[in-house]
Amino acid sequence: MYKILVVDDEEAIVDILEKFLVMNGFEVIRAVGGEEAIKILESDVKIDLMVLDMKMPKVNGMDVICRKESLNKKFPILLLTGSIDAQKYLERLQSSGFREDDIISKPVDLPVLLSKVKGKLRITQ
């Protein structure tokens, strides 16, 4: 079973995404905020994909991505953003291999999220 790390500073969003992903056969690791995400990344937990909110207080999505890279963790990321400046993130992340298709706007369209998760994990069905 694939393990997905869901990171958002809003616990209600983490709850919704967790329920939806579990319902679709995934195991979810929860992180409410960037600090929790970094603790999980620094542990030995196996992660297959991360769904990451970019705009969070204290430790934002870029901080989490930088820590992931410094730990040499190799798994894909889908970015969540409610802000209209998603392009700013994309420009900063393209050097790490991100594409515009890796960004999901809030409010999250759950079928779109599922399609992108399956695409990143190369699940065909």
PDB file of N, CA and C in Angstrom:
ATOM      1  N   MET A   1       0.840  -1.179   0.000  1.00  0.00           N
ATOM      2  CA  MET A   1       0.000   0.000   0.000  1.00  0.00           C
ATOM      3  C   MET A   1       0.887   1.245   0.000  1.00  0.00           C
ATOM      4  N   TYR A   2       0.541   2.190  -0.870  1.00  0.00           N
ATOM      5  CA  TYR A   2       1.307   3.424  -0.965  1.00  0.00           C
ATOM      6  C   TYR A   2       1.057   4.320   0.244  1.00  0.00           C
ATOM      7  N   LYS A   3       2.131   4.956   0.742  1.00  0.00           N
ATOM      8  CA  LYS A   3       2.033   5.871   1.876  1.00  0.00           C
ATOM      9  C   LYS A   3       2.175   7.302   1.374  1.00  0.00           C
ATOM     10  N   ILE A   4       1.177   8.118   1.709  1.00  0.00           N
ATOM     11  CA  ILE A   4       1.166   9.510   1.280  1.00  0.00           C
ATOM     12  C   ILE A   4       1.240  10.413   2.510  1.00  0.00           C
ATOM     13  N   LEU A   5       2.221  11.291   2.522  1.00  0.00           N
ATOM     14  CA  LEU A   5       2.351  12.293   3.573  1.00  0.00           C
ATOM     15  C   LEU A   5       1.529  13.511   3.153  1.00  0.00           C
ATOM     16  N   VAL A   6       0.512  13.843   3.954  1.00  0.00           N
ATOM     17  CA  VAL A   6      -0.343  14.996   3.679  1.00  0.00           C
ATOM     18  C   VAL A   6       0.030  16.097   4.670  1.00  0.00           C
ATOM     19  N   VAL A   7       0.431  17.261   4.132  1.00  0.00           N
ATOM     20  CA  VAL A   7       0.910  18.366   4.960  1.00  0.00           C
ATOM     21  C   VAL A   7       0.095  19.626   4.666  1.00  0.00           C
ATOM     22  N   ASP A   8      -0.542  20.147   5.710  1.00  0.00           N
ATOM     23  CA  ASP A   8      -1.273  21.416   5.601  1.00  0.00           C
ATOM     24  C   ASP A   8      -1.366  21.993   7.004  1.00  0.00           C
ATOM     25  N   ASP A   9      -1.379  23.310   7.104  1.00  0.00           N
ATOM     26  CA  ASP A   9      -1.496  23.925   8.430  1.00  0.00           C
ATOM     27  C   ASP A   9      -2.938  23.957   8.928  1.00  0.00           C
ATOM     28  N   GLU A  10      -3.885  23.634   8.060  1.00  0.00           N
ATOM     29  CA  GLU A  10      -5.295  23.575   8.455  1.00  0.00           C
ATOM     30  C   GLU A  10      -5.683  22.116   8.678  1.00  0.00           C
ATOM     31  N   GLU A  11      -5.946  21.763   9.941  1.00  0.00           N
ATOM     32  CA  GLU A  11      -6.245  20.372  10.282  1.00  0.00           C
ATOM     33  C   GLU A  11      -7.473  19.850   9.541  1.00  0.00           C
ATOM     34  N   ALA A  12      -8.449  20.708   9.286  1.00  0.00           N
ATOM     35  CA  ALA A  12      -9.654  20.282   8.575  1.00  0.00           C
ATOM     36  C   ALA A  12      -9.314  19.808   7.160  1.00  0.00           C
ATOM     37  N   ILE A  13      -8.374  20.462   6.510  1.00  0.00           N
ATOM     38  CA  ILE A  13      -7.968  20.045   5.165  1.00  0.00           C
ATOM     39  C   ILE A  13      -7.235  18.712   5.233  1.00  0.00           C
ATOM     40  N   VAL A  14      -6.361  18.553   6.217  1.00  0.00           N
ATOM     41  CA  VAL A  14      -5.662  17.276   6.396  1.00  0.00           C
ATOM     42  C   VAL A  14      -6.691  16.164   6.613  1.00  0.00           C
ATOM     43  N   ASP A  15      -7.712  16.430   7.426  1.00  0.00           N
ATOM     44  CA  ASP A  15      -8.761  15.445   7.697  1.00  0.00           C
ATOM     45  C   ASP A  15      -9.475  15.024   6.418  1.00  0.00           C
ATOM     46  N   ILE A  16      -9.892  15.995   5.625  1.00  0.00           N
ATOM     47  CA  ILE A  16     -10.628  15.718   4.386  1.00  0.00           C
ATOM     48  C   ILE A  16      -9.763  14.918   3.420  1.00  0.00           C
ATOM     49  N   LEU A  17      -8.531  15.358   3.211  1.00  0.00           N
ATOM     50  CA  LEU A  17      -7.646  14.664   2.273  1.00  0.00           C
ATOM     51  C   LEU A  17      -7.334  13.255   2.769  1.00  0.00           C
ATOM     52  N   GLU A  18      -7.124  13.113   4.077  1.00  0.00           N
ATOM     53  CA  GLU A  18      -6.846  11.784   4.630  1.00  0.00           C
ATOM     54  C   GLU A  18      -8.020  10.840   4.384  1.00  0.00           C
ATOM     55  N   LYS A  19      -9.224  11.273   4.723  1.00  0.00           N
ATOM     56  CA  LYS A  19     -10.406  10.417   4.534  1.00  0.00           C
ATOM     57  C   LYS A  19     -10.563  10.023   3.075  1.00  0.00           C
ATOM     58  N   PHE A  20     -10.398  10.978   2.175  1.00  0.00           N
ATOM     59  CA  PHE A  20     -10.553  10.703   0.746  1.00  0.00           C
ATOM     60  C   PHE A  20      -9.493   9.721   0.247  1.00  0.00           C
ATOM     61  N   LEU A  21      -8.249   9.945   0.619  1.00  0.00           N
ATOM     62  CA  LEU A  21      -7.169   9.072   0.139  1.00  0.00           C
ATOM     63  C   LEU A  21      -7.273   7.668   0.735  1.00  0.00           C
ATOM     64  N   VAL A  22      -7.623   7.574   2.008  1.00  0.00           N
ATOM     65  CA  VAL A  22      -7.803   6.254   2.635  1.00  0.00           C
ATOM     66  C   VAL A  22      -8.945   5.506   1.946  1.00  0.00           C
ATOM     67  N   MET A  23     -10.022   6.219   1.655  1.00  0.00           N
ATOM     68  CA  MET A  23     -11.168   5.629   0.967  1.00  0.00           C
ATOM     69  C   MET A  23     -10.771   5.070  -0.409  1.00  0.00           C
ATOM     70  N   ASN A  24      -9.715   5.650  -0.981  1.00  0.00           N
ATOM     71  CA  ASN A  24      -9.243   5.212  -2.298  1.00  0.00           C
ATOM     72  C   ASN A  24      -8.044   4.276  -2.213  1.00  0.00           C
ATOM     73  N   GLY A  25      -7.796   3.712  -1.032  1.00  0.00           N
ATOM     74  CA  GLY A  25      -6.816   2.650  -0.900  1.00  0.00           C
ATOM     75  C   GLY A  25      -5.401   3.047  -0.530  1.00  0.00           C
ATOM     76  N   PHE A  26      -5.196   4.283  -0.088  1.00  0.00           N
ATOM     77  CA  PHE A  26      -3.865   4.735   0.289  1.00  0.00           C
ATOM     78  C   PHE A  26      -3.727   4.800   1.803  1.00  0.00           C
ATOM     79  N   GLU A  27      -2.502   4.662   2.274  1.00  0.00           N
ATOM     80  CA  GLU A  27      -2.209   4.903   3.682  1.00  0.00           C
ATOM     81  C   GLU A  27      -1.751   6.349   3.787  1.00  0.00           C
ATOM     82  N   VAL A  28      -2.249   7.056   4.807  1.00  0.00           N
ATOM     83  CA  VAL A  28      -1.935   8.479   4.948  1.00  0.00           C
ATOM     84  C   VAL A  28      -1.156   8.723   6.236  1.00  0.00           C
ATOM     85  N   ILE A  29      -0.106   9.509   6.097  1.00  0.00           N
ATOM     86  CA  ILE A  29       0.654  10.010   7.236  1.00  0.00           C
ATOM     87  C   ILE A  29       0.300  11.488   7.325  1.00  0.00           C
ATOM     88  N   ARG A  30      -0.168  11.909   8.485  1.00  0.00           N
ATOM     89  CA  ARG A  30      -0.651  13.276   8.678  1.00  0.00           C
ATOM     90  C   ARG A  30       0.434  14.191   9.240  1.00  0.00           C
ATOM     91  N   ALA A  31       0.455  15.422   8.747  1.00  0.00           N
ATOM     92  CA  ALA A  31       1.306  16.452   9.332  1.00  0.00           C
ATOM     93  C   ALA A  31       0.529  17.762   9.304  1.00  0.00           C
ATOM     94  N   VAL A  32       0.219  18.269  10.485  1.00  0.00           N
ATOM     95  CA  VAL A  32      -0.462  19.559  10.567  1.00  0.00           C
ATOM     96  C   VAL A  32       0.622  20.615  10.758  1.00  0.00           C
ATOM     97  N   GLY A  33       1.052  21.196   9.645  1.00  0.00           N
ATOM     98  CA  GLY A  33       2.100  22.209   9.659  1.00  0.00           C
ATOM     99  C   GLY A  33       3.446  21.666   9.201  1.00  0.00           C
ATOM    100  N   GLY A  34       4.293  22.599   8.815  1.00  0.00           N
ATOM    101  CA  GLY A  34       5.618  22.255   8.300  1.00  0.00           C
ATOM    102  C   GLY A  34       6.539  21.635   9.326  1.00  0.00           C
ATOM    103  N   GLU A  35       6.394  22.054  10.590  1.00  0.00           N
ATOM    104  CA  GLU A  35       7.258  21.494  11.639  1.00  0.00           C
ATOM    105  C   GLU A  35       7.041  19.990  11.763  1.00  0.00           C
ATOM    106  N   GLU A  36       5.754  19.567  11.790  1.00  0.00           N
ATOM    107  CA  GLU A  36       5.439  18.141  11.877  1.00  0.00           C
ATOM    108  C   GLU A  36       5.963  17.397  10.655  1.00  0.00           C
ATOM    109  N   ALA A  37       5.835  18.011   9.496  1.00  0.00           N
ATOM    110  CA  ALA A  37       6.302  17.371   8.262  1.00  0.00           C
ATOM    111  C   ALA A  37       7.799  17.109   8.331  1.00  0.00           C
ATOM    112  N   ILE A  38       8.556  18.076   8.807  1.00  0.00           N
ATOM    113  CA  ILE A  38      10.011  17.908   8.884  1.00  0.00           C
ATOM    114  C   ILE A  38      10.373  16.804   9.869  1.00  0.00           C
ATOM    115  N   LYS A  39       9.671  16.720  10.994  1.00  0.00           N
ATOM    116  CA  LYS A  39       9.926  15.631  11.948  1.00  0.00           C
ATOM    117  C   LYS A  39       9.693  14.274  11.295  1.00  0.00           C
ATOM    118  N   ILE A  40       8.638  14.181  10.500  1.00  0.00           N
ATOM    119  CA  ILE A  40       8.348  12.922   9.808  1.00  0.00           C
ATOM    120  C   ILE A  40       9.429  12.630   8.774  1.00  0.00           C
ATOM    121  N   LEU A  41       9.841  13.649   8.025  1.00  0.00           N
ATOM    122  CA  LEU A  41      10.895  13.450   7.021  1.00  0.00           C
ATOM    123  C   LEU A  41      12.194  12.991   7.672  1.00  0.00           C
ATOM    124  N   GLU A  42      12.470  13.476   8.866  1.00  0.00           N
ATOM    125  CA  GLU A  42      13.711  13.123   9.559  1.00  0.00           C
ATOM    126  C   GLU A  42      13.642  11.738  10.205  1.00  0.00           C
ATOM    127  N   SER A  43      12.472  11.131  10.212  1.00  0.00           N
ATOM    128  CA  SER A  43      12.319   9.785  10.769  1.00  0.00           C
ATOM    129  C   SER A  43      12.593   8.744   9.679  1.00  0.00           C
ATOM    130  N   ASP A  44      12.420   7.494  10.033  1.00  0.00           N
ATOM    131  CA  ASP A  44      12.642   6.404   9.071  1.00  0.00           C
ATOM    132  C   ASP A  44      11.368   5.978   8.359  1.00  0.00           C
ATOM    133  N   VAL A  45      10.308   6.755   8.477  1.00  0.00           N
ATOM    134  CA  VAL A  45       9.033   6.405   7.850  1.00  0.00           C
ATOM    135  C   VAL A  45       9.195   6.410   6.333  1.00  0.00           C
ATOM    136  N   LYS A  46       8.698   5.341   5.689  1.00  0.00           N
ATOM    137  CA  LYS A  46       8.736   5.255   4.226  1.00  0.00           C
ATOM    138  C   LYS A  46       7.598   6.100   3.662  1.00  0.00           C
ATOM    139  N   ILE A  47       7.928   6.962   2.733  1.00  0.00           N
ATOM    140  CA  ILE A  47       6.945   7.832   2.092  1.00  0.00           C
ATOM    141  C   ILE A  47       7.042   7.619   0.589  1.00  0.00           C
ATOM    142  N   ASP A  48       5.881   7.450  -0.060  1.00  0.00           N
ATOM    143  CA  ASP A  48       5.862   7.273  -1.512  1.00  0.00           C
ATOM    144  C   ASP A  48       5.537   8.555  -2.251  1.00  0.00           C
ATOM    145  N   LEU A  49       4.834   9.486  -1.572  1.00  0.00           N
ATOM    146  CA  LEU A  49       4.431  10.738  -2.205  1.00  0.00           C
ATOM    147  C   LEU A  49       4.044  11.717  -1.108  1.00  0.00           C
ATOM    148  N   MET A  50       4.254  13.001  -1.360  1.00  0.00           N
ATOM    149  CA  MET A  50       3.845  14.030  -0.400  1.00  0.00           C
ATOM    150  C   MET A  50       2.903  15.006  -1.088  1.00  0.00           C
ATOM    151  N   VAL A  51       1.780  15.305  -0.407  1.00  0.00           N
ATOM    152  CA  VAL A  51       0.858  16.353  -0.827  1.00  0.00           C
ATOM    153  C   VAL A  51       1.111  17.500   0.145  1.00  0.00           C
ATOM    154  N   LEU A  52       1.624  18.605  -0.356  1.00  0.00           N
ATOM    155  CA  LEU A  52       2.196  19.652   0.492  1.00  0.00           C
ATOM    156  C   LEU A  52       1.589  21.018   0.226  1.00  0.00           C
ATOM    157  N   ASP A  53       1.058  21.628   1.284  1.00  0.00           N
ATOM    158  CA  ASP A  53       0.592  23.010   1.203  1.00  0.00           C
ATOM    159  C   ASP A  53       1.822  23.914   1.160  1.00  0.00           C
ATOM    160  N   MET A  54       1.805  24.902   0.309  1.00  0.00           N
ATOM    161  CA  MET A  54       2.964  25.785   0.185  1.00  0.00           C
ATOM    162  C   MET A  54       2.944  26.923   1.190  1.00  0.00           C
ATOM    163  N   LYS A  55       1.764  27.486   1.464  1.00  0.00           N
ATOM    164  CA  LYS A  55       1.676  28.684   2.301  1.00  0.00           C
ATOM    165  C   LYS A  55       1.250  28.280   3.710  1.00  0.00           C
ATOM    166  N   MET A  56       2.243  28.159   4.605  1.00  0.00           N
ATOM    167  CA  MET A  56       1.998  27.818   6.000  1.00  0.00           C
ATOM    168  C   MET A  56       2.842  28.753   6.861  1.00  0.00           C
ATOM    169  N   PRO A  57       2.353  29.068   8.079  1.00  0.00           N
ATOM    170  CA  PRO A  57       3.146  29.925   8.963  1.00  0.00           C
ATOM    171  C   PRO A  57       4.366  29.186   9.498  1.00  0.00           C
ATOM    172  N   LYS A  58       5.342  29.917   9.943  1.00  0.00           N
ATOM    173  CA  LYS A  58       6.588  29.413  10.534  1.00  0.00           C
ATOM    174  C   LYS A  58       7.409  28.611   9.535  1.00  0.00           C
ATOM    175  N   VAL A  59       7.025  27.374   9.261  1.00  0.00           N
ATOM    176  CA  VAL A  59       7.753  26.506   8.324  1.00  0.00           C
ATOM    177  C   VAL A  59       6.854  26.286   7.110  1.00  0.00           C
ATOM    178  N   ASN A  60       7.200  26.926   5.979  1.00  0.00           N
ATOM    179  CA  ASN A  60       6.346  26.829   4.795  1.00  0.00           C
ATOM    180  C   ASN A  60       6.739  25.649   3.899  1.00  0.00           C
ATOM    181  N   GLY A  61       6.026  25.513   2.815  1.00  0.00           N
ATOM    182  CA  GLY A  61       6.273  24.408   1.897  1.00  0.00           C
ATOM    183  C   GLY A  61       7.684  24.390   1.328  1.00  0.00           C
ATOM    184  N   MET A  62       8.223  25.562   1.026  1.00  0.00           N
ATOM    185  CA  MET A  62       9.597  25.617   0.502  1.00  0.00           C
ATOM    186  C   MET A  62      10.584  25.102   1.545  1.00  0.00           C
ATOM    187  N   ASP A  63      10.353  25.437   2.806  1.00  0.00           N
ATOM    188  CA  ASP A  63      11.228  24.946   3.883  1.00  0.00           C
ATOM    189  C   ASP A  63      11.185  23.421   3.948  1.00  0.00           C
ATOM    190  N   VAL A  64       9.989  22.858   3.816  1.00  0.00           N
ATOM    191  CA  VAL A  64       9.826  21.396   3.858  1.00  0.00           C
ATOM    192  C   VAL A  64      10.540  20.753   2.667  1.00  0.00           C
ATOM    193  N   ILE A  65      10.376  21.343   1.497  1.00  0.00           N
ATOM    194  CA  ILE A  65      11.039  20.802   0.298  1.00  0.00           C
ATOM    195  C   ILE A  65      12.560  20.862   0.449  1.00  0.00           C
ATOM    196  N   CYS A  66      13.065  21.973   0.946  1.00  0.00           N
ATOM    197  CA  CYS A  66      14.520  22.105   1.138  1.00  0.00           C
ATOM    198  C   CYS A  66      15.030  21.059   2.122  1.00  0.00           C
ATOM    199  N   ARG A  67      14.282  20.809   3.190  1.00  0.00           N
ATOM    200  CA  ARG A  67      14.708  19.791   4.166  1.00  0.00           C
ATOM    201  C   ARG A  67      14.655  18.400   3.544  1.00  0.00           C
ATOM    202  N   LYS A  68      13.616  18.119   2.765  1.00  0.00           N
ATOM    203  CA  LYS A  68      13.499  16.834   2.063  1.00  0.00           C
ATOM    204  C   LYS A  68      14.725  16.613   1.180  1.00  0.00           C
ATOM    205  N   GLU A  69      15.093  17.642   0.430  1.00  0.00           N
ATOM    206  CA  GLU A  69      16.239  17.523  -0.474  1.00  0.00           C
ATOM    207  C   GLU A  69      17.539  17.361   0.300  1.00  0.00           C
ATOM    208  N   SER A  70      17.690  18.069   1.420  1.00  0.00           N
ATOM    209  CA  SER A  70      18.927  17.953   2.205  1.00  0.00           C
ATOM    210  C   SER A  70      19.065  16.562   2.825  1.00  0.00           C
ATOM    211  N   LEU A  71      17.931  15.905   3.055  1.00  0.00           N
ATOM    212  CA  LEU A  71      17.943  14.536   3.588  1.00  0.00           C
ATOM    213  C   LEU A  71      18.055  13.489   2.474  1.00  0.00           C
ATOM    214  N   ASN A  72      18.087  13.977   1.223  1.00  0.00           N
ATOM    215  CA  ASN A  72      18.199  13.127   0.040  1.00  0.00           C
ATOM    216  C   ASN A  72      17.046  12.118  -0.063  1.00  0.00           C
ATOM    217  N   LYS A  73      15.843  12.570   0.309  1.00  0.00           N
ATOM    218  CA  LYS A  73      14.646  11.739   0.199  1.00  0.00           C
ATOM    219  C   LYS A  73      14.151  11.818  -1.243  1.00  0.00           C
ATOM    220  N   LYS A  74      13.841  10.666  -1.818  1.00  0.00           N
ATOM    221  CA  LYS A  74      13.442  10.613  -3.227  1.00  0.00           C
ATOM    222  C   LYS A  74      11.996  10.131  -3.358  1.00  0.00           C
ATOM    223  N   PHE A  75      11.066  11.060  -3.431  1.00  0.00           N
ATOM    224  CA  PHE A  75       9.676  10.735  -3.728  1.00  0.00           C
ATOM    225  C   PHE A  75       9.034  11.987  -4.320  1.00  0.00           C
ATOM    226  N   PRO A  76       7.983  11.807  -5.127  1.00  0.00           N
ATOM    227  CA  PRO A  76       7.345  12.953  -5.771  1.00  0.00           C
ATOM    228  C   PRO A  76       6.512  13.778  -4.798  1.00  0.00           C
ATOM    229  N   ILE A  77       6.247  15.024  -5.203  1.00  0.00           N
ATOM    230  CA  ILE A  77       5.469  15.967  -4.404  1.00  0.00           C
ATOM    231  C   ILE A  77       4.394  16.597  -5.288  1.00  0.00           C
ATOM    232  N   LEU A  78       3.189  16.704  -4.730  1.00  0.00           N
ATOM    233  CA  LEU A  78       2.141  17.523  -5.324  1.00  0.00           C
ATOM    234  C   LEU A  78       1.961  18.720  -4.409  1.00  0.00           C
ATOM    235  N   LEU A  79       1.920  19.902  -4.978  1.00  0.00           N
ATOM    236  CA  LEU A  79       1.841  21.139  -4.209  1.00  0.00           C
ATOM    237  C   LEU A  79       0.415  21.655  -4.151  1.00  0.00           C
ATOM    238  N   LEU A  80      -0.025  22.036  -2.958  1.00  0.00           N
ATOM    239  CA  LEU A  80      -1.326  22.664  -2.774  1.00  0.00           C
ATOM    240  C   LEU A  80      -1.101  24.149  -2.553  1.00  0.00           C
ATOM    241  N   THR A  81      -1.923  24.949  -3.187  1.00  0.00           N
ATOM    242  CA  THR A  81      -1.829  26.375  -2.930  1.00  0.00           C
ATOM    243  C   THR A  81      -3.195  27.028  -3.100  1.00  0.00           C
ATOM    244  N   GLY A  82      -3.511  27.880  -2.154  1.00  0.00           N
ATOM    245  CA  GLY A  82      -4.743  28.650  -2.233  1.00  0.00           C
ATOM    246  C   GLY A  82      -4.473  30.046  -2.741  1.00  0.00           C
ATOM    247  N   SER A  83      -3.205  30.344  -2.932  1.00  0.00           N
ATOM    248  CA  SER A  83      -2.844  31.702  -3.349  1.00  0.00           C
ATOM    249  C   SER A  83      -2.766  31.805  -4.857  1.00  0.00           C
ATOM    250  N   ILE A  84      -2.947  33.005  -5.319  1.00  0.00           N
ATOM    251  CA  ILE A  84      -2.932  33.229  -6.760  1.00  0.00           C
ATOM    252  C   ILE A  84      -1.504  33.327  -7.307  1.00  0.00           C
ATOM    253  N   ASP A  85      -0.518  33.291  -6.419  1.00  0.00           N
ATOM    254  CA  ASP A  85       0.865  33.424  -6.891  1.00  0.00           C
ATOM    255  C   ASP A  85       1.551  32.064  -7.014  1.00  0.00           C
ATOM    256  N   ALA A  86       0.796  31.059  -7.437  1.00  0.00           N
ATOM    257  CA  ALA A  86       1.361  29.717  -7.609  1.00  0.00           C
ATOM    258  C   ALA A  86       2.530  29.740  -8.593  1.00  0.00           C
ATOM    259  N   GLN A  87       2.483  30.635  -9.544  1.00  0.00           N
ATOM    260  CA  GLN A  87       3.548  30.736 -10.543  1.00  0.00           C
ATOM    261  C   GLN A  87       4.885  31.043  -9.875  1.00  0.00           C
ATOM    262  N   LYS A  88       4.848  31.835  -8.806  1.00  0.00           N
ATOM    263  CA  LYS A  88       6.068  32.176  -8.066  1.00  0.00           C
ATOM    264  C   LYS A  88       6.732  30.901  -7.544  1.00  0.00           C
ATOM    265  N   TYR A  89       5.916  29.998  -6.996  1.00  0.00           N
ATOM    266  CA  TYR A  89       6.450  28.736  -6.495  1.00  0.00           C
ATOM    267  C   TYR A  89       7.031  27.909  -7.634  1.00  0.00           C
ATOM    268  N   LEU A  90       6.303  27.855  -8.727  1.00  0.00           N
ATOM    269  CA  LEU A  90       6.734  27.034  -9.854  1.00  0.00           C
ATOM    270  C   LEU A  90       8.094  27.495 -10.371  1.00  0.00           C
ATOM    271  N   GLU A  91       8.265  28.787 -10.516  1.00  0.00           N
ATOM    272  CA  GLU A  91       9.535  29.308 -11.019  1.00  0.00           C
ATOM    273  C   GLU A  91      10.686  28.933 -10.093  1.00  0.00           C
ATOM    274  N   ARG A  92      10.440  28.966  -8.780  1.00  0.00           N
ATOM    275  CA  ARG A  92      11.487  28.613  -7.813  1.00  0.00           C
ATOM    276  C   ARG A  92      11.760  27.112  -7.789  1.00  0.00           C
ATOM    277  N   LEU A  93      10.772  26.316  -8.182  1.00  0.00           N
ATOM    278  CA  LEU A  93      10.888  24.858  -8.050  1.00  0.00           C
ATOM    279  C   LEU A  93      11.254  24.123  -9.336  1.00  0.00           C
ATOM    280  N   GLN A  94      11.170  24.801 -10.462  1.00  0.00           N
ATOM    281  CA  GLN A  94      11.437  24.123 -11.729  1.00  0.00           C
ATOM    282  C   GLN A  94      12.828  23.509 -11.788  1.00  0.00           C
ATOM    283  N   SER A  95      13.771  24.111 -11.109  1.00  0.00           N
ATOM    284  CA  SER A  95      15.131  23.552 -11.109  1.00  0.00           C
ATOM    285  C   SER A  95      15.174  22.206 -10.393  1.00  0.00           C
ATOM    286  N   SER A  96      14.164  21.922  -9.545  1.00  0.00           N
ATOM    287  CA  SER A  96      14.083  20.629  -8.863  1.00  0.00           C
ATOM    288  C   SER A  96      13.198  19.643  -9.621  1.00  0.00           C
ATOM    289  N   GLY A  97      12.768  20.018 -10.814  1.00  0.00           N
ATOM    290  CA  GLY A  97      11.989  19.104 -11.639  1.00  0.00           C
ATOM    291  C   GLY A  97      10.484  19.264 -11.540  1.00  0.00           C
ATOM    292  N   PHE A  98      10.007  20.292 -10.844  1.00  0.00           N
ATOM    293  CA  PHE A  98       8.566  20.494 -10.743  1.00  0.00           C
ATOM    294  C   PHE A  98       8.015  21.070 -12.034  1.00  0.00           C
ATOM    295  N   ARG A  99       6.751  20.714 -12.294  1.00  0.00           N
ATOM    296  CA  ARG A  99       6.043  21.237 -13.465  1.00  0.00           C
ATOM    297  C   ARG A  99       4.756  21.909 -12.998  1.00  0.00           C
ATOM    298  N   GLU A 100       4.172  22.697 -13.849  1.00  0.00           N
ATOM    299  CA  GLU A 100       2.919  23.381 -13.511  1.00  0.00           C
ATOM    300  C   GLU A 100       1.844  22.368 -13.132  1.00  0.00           C
ATOM    301  N   ASP A 101       1.888  21.190 -13.728  1.00  0.00           N
ATOM    302  CA  ASP A 101       0.912  20.133 -13.455  1.00  0.00           C
ATOM    303  C   ASP A 101       1.033  19.584 -12.028  1.00  0.00           C
ATOM    304  N   ASP A 102       2.127  19.887 -11.340  1.00  0.00           N
ATOM    305  CA  ASP A 102       2.336  19.418  -9.967  1.00  0.00           C
ATOM    306  C   ASP A 102       1.634  20.303  -8.939  1.00  0.00           C
ATOM    307  N   ILE A 103       0.987  21.388  -9.388  1.00  0.00           N
ATOM    308  CA  ILE A 103       0.327  22.324  -8.489  1.00  0.00           C
ATOM    309  C   ILE A 103      -1.182  22.091  -8.536  1.00  0.00           C
ATOM    310  N   ILE A 104      -1.784  21.968  -7.351  1.00  0.00           N
ATOM    311  CA  ILE A 104      -3.230  21.806  -7.228  1.00  0.00           C
ATOM    312  C   ILE A 104      -3.758  23.017  -6.475  1.00  0.00           C
ATOM    313  N   SER A 105      -4.714  23.706  -7.076  1.00  0.00           N
ATOM    314  CA  SER A 105      -5.289  24.897  -6.438  1.00  0.00           C
ATOM    315  C   SER A 105      -6.323  24.503  -5.396  1.00  0.00           C
ATOM    316  N   LYS A 106      -6.370  25.302  -4.329  1.00  0.00           N
ATOM    317  CA  LYS A 106      -7.417  25.149  -3.327  1.00  0.00           C
ATOM    318  C   LYS A 106      -8.594  26.021  -3.733  1.00  0.00           C
ATOM    319  N   PRO A 107      -9.813  25.630  -3.450  1.00  0.00           N
ATOM    320  CA  PRO A 107     -10.198  24.383  -2.806  1.00  0.00           C
ATOM    321  C   PRO A 107      -9.882  23.189  -3.710  1.00  0.00           C
ATOM    322  N   VAL A 108      -9.451  22.105  -3.098  1.00  0.00           N
ATOM    323  CA  VAL A 108      -8.979  20.934  -3.822  1.00  0.00           C
ATOM    324  C   VAL A 108     -10.140  20.210  -4.477  1.00  0.00           C
ATOM    325  N   ASP A 109     -10.014  19.966  -5.771  1.00  0.00           N
ATOM    326  CA  ASP A 109     -10.950  19.123  -6.511  1.00  0.00           C
ATOM    327  C   ASP A 109     -10.476  17.687  -6.293  1.00  0.00           C
ATOM    328  N   LEU A 110     -11.192  16.921  -5.466  1.00  0.00           N
ATOM    329  CA  LEU A 110     -10.721  15.597  -5.049  1.00  0.00           C
ATOM    330  C   LEU A 110     -10.485  14.624  -6.203  1.00  0.00           C
ATOM    331  N   PRO A 111     -11.368  14.549  -7.219  1.00  0.00           N
ATOM    332  CA  PRO A 111     -11.059  13.665  -8.353  1.00  0.00           C
ATOM    333  C   PRO A 111      -9.767  14.064  -9.087  1.00  0.00           C
ATOM    334  N   VAL A 112      -9.496  15.365  -9.178  1.00  0.00           N
ATOM    335  CA  VAL A 112      -8.249  15.828  -9.799  1.00  0.00           C
ATOM    336  C   VAL A 112      -7.060  15.397  -8.943  1.00  0.00           C
ATOM    337  N   LEU A 113      -7.182  15.558  -7.629  1.00  0.00           N
ATOM    338  CA  LEU A 113      -6.123  15.119  -6.723  1.00  0.00           C
ATOM    339  C   LEU A 113      -5.852  13.631  -6.913  1.00  0.00           C
ATOM    340  N   LEU A 114      -6.894  12.818  -6.938  1.00  0.00           N
ATOM    341  CA  LEU A 114      -6.733  11.375  -7.095  1.00  0.00           C
ATOM    342  C   LEU A 114      -6.043  11.044  -8.409  1.00  0.00           C
ATOM    343  N   SER A 115      -6.433  11.700  -9.464  1.00  0.00           N
ATOM    344  CA  SER A 115      -5.816  11.475 -10.770  1.00  0.00           C
ATOM    345  C   SER A 115      -4.329  11.824 -10.747  1.00  0.00           C
ATOM    346  N   LYS A 116      -3.993  12.950 -10.119  1.00  0.00           N
ATOM    347  CA  LYS A 116      -2.585  13.365 -10.055  1.00  0.00           C
ATOM    348  C   LYS A 116      -1.771  12.436  -9.158  1.00  0.00           C
ATOM    349  N   VAL A 117      -2.360  11.980  -8.042  1.00  0.00           N
ATOM    350  CA  VAL A 117      -1.673  11.038  -7.155  1.00  0.00           C
ATOM    351  C   VAL A 117      -1.377   9.756  -7.925  1.00  0.00           C
ATOM    352  N   LYS A 118      -2.375   9.224  -8.606  1.00  0.00           N
ATOM    353  CA  LYS A 118      -2.178   7.985  -9.380  1.00  0.00           C
ATOM    354  C   LYS A 118      -1.137   8.187 -10.475  1.00  0.00           C
ATOM    355  N   GLY A 119      -1.161   9.356 -11.110  1.00  0.00           N
ATOM    356  CA  GLY A 119      -0.171   9.637 -12.145  1.00  0.00           C
ATOM    357  C   GLY A 119       1.245   9.674 -11.593  1.00  0.00           C
ATOM    358  N   LYS A 120       1.422  10.340 -10.465  1.00  0.00           N
ATOM    359  CA  LYS A 120       2.753  10.436  -9.849  1.00  0.00           C
ATOM    360  C   LYS A 120       3.257   9.077  -9.393  1.00  0.00           C
ATOM    361  N   LEU A 121       2.328   8.221  -8.913  1.00  0.00           N
ATOM    362  CA  LEU A 121       2.733   6.896  -8.432  1.00  0.00           C
ATOM    363  C   LEU A 121       2.695   5.854  -9.543  1.00  0.00           C
ATOM    364  N   ARG A 122       2.348   6.298 -10.748  1.00  0.00           N
ATOM    365  CA  ARG A 122       2.262   5.419 -11.931  1.00  0.00           C
ATOM    366  C   ARG A 122       1.297   4.252 -11.701  1.00  0.00           C
ATOM    367  N   ILE A 123       0.137   4.593 -11.149  1.00  0.00           N
ATOM    368  CA  ILE A 123      -0.919   3.611 -10.930  1.00  0.00           C
ATOM    369  C   ILE A 123      -1.868   3.690 -12.115  1.00  0.00           C
ATOM    370  N   THR A 124      -2.105   2.581 -12.762  1.00  0.00           N
ATOM    371  CA  THR A 124      -3.023   2.555 -13.892  1.00  0.00           C
ATOM    372  C   THR A 124      -4.284   1.819 -13.493  1.00  0.00           C
ATOM    373  N   GLN A 125      -5.424   2.454 -13.715  1.00  0.00           N
ATOM    374  CA  GLN A 125      -6.753   1.858 -13.450  1.00  0.00           C
ATOM    375  C   GLN A 125      -7.802   2.750 -14.008  1.00  0.00           C
TER     376      GLN A 125
END
